[in-house]
Amino acid sequence: MPDALAGADWTDREVDLIVADYFDMLGMELRGQSFVKARRNAALQELTGRGRGSIEFKHQNISAVLLRLGMPWVEGYKPLANFQRALVDGVERRLAASPDVFENPFSASPTGGLHEPESLFFEQPPAPSDLDSVPPALERIVRRFDPALRDARNRRLGRDGEERVFFGEQASLRAADRADLARKVRWVSAEHGDGAGYDISSFDGAGRERLIEVKTTTGHSTTPFFLSENERAFSDERPDAFKLVRLYDFARQPRAFELTPPLDRSVLLRAAVWRAQF
């Protein structure tokens, strides 16, 4: 239908309708359920009086907000910035009313029931970005819903990510005809708890040590993460062996890249916690 409201600001009611529609589509997508975007767009046109293009742009705007929050977004709605403050407020209302949507996006776990472990394909890591460029309208919501803190306290997500890398390392070594080394791969954090400065002890095909710290997120490749001082110090102590494996998009199909010391060459390290001592 023609967009008779083109150029007019969206009302809170309209924003809440499109945000609810977006999160419903995202939940269905992550659960592997099908839906027809065109039909949902048509239904929103009837409810809001907005045109098809205006609704699609708004869906892309929501993806841009979720990008900053380290959340998965609906495939096909590429993040599009330059959104209004009202849209940020609408996403915040949704997450405040249903915090589980942010804490554990639809509880997808790709490692469940893993029977034939596969090697991980490591992509090129993203380039460091200027985090000071976060639009002011997003600063409050990012502080309130911190994706790094969310992932750090999701112990199941962390354990599932470590498990995926553990089996992936074994599979890679077997594929390289190094079954002898595959048998020696150890899940250190599961056997001895945190504190070693890394999670998994493995090897490359030549037998060199790979001491792997795993960081997992359901978000995208540039979602921030917490790095403990112990992990950072260990990366400096063993730059020859330390590897930081970042798993992302874990609610769908895990993707990965690897960082090597010095870490501050690859990521922007910023103090997040201060220790007060007498």
Foldseek 3Di string as FASTA:
>chain_A
DDAPCPPPDDDLVLLLVLLVVFLVLVLCVLVVHDDDPVVSLVVSCVVRVGDSVVSLLLLLCVCQLVQLLQADGDPPSHHDHPDDLSNVVSVLVVCVVPVCCLLQNNVAQVQPPDDDQEAADADAADAEDDPVPPDPSNPVVCVVRPQQVSQVPPVVQQVSQLVNNLSNLLNQLVVLVNNVQSVVKDQCCVVPNDDPLAGIWGAPNVRHIAGEHEREGLGDRPRDHDRDPSNLVVLVVCQVHYKYWYWYVRSHPTHIHIDGPPCVNGYPDDDDDDDDDD
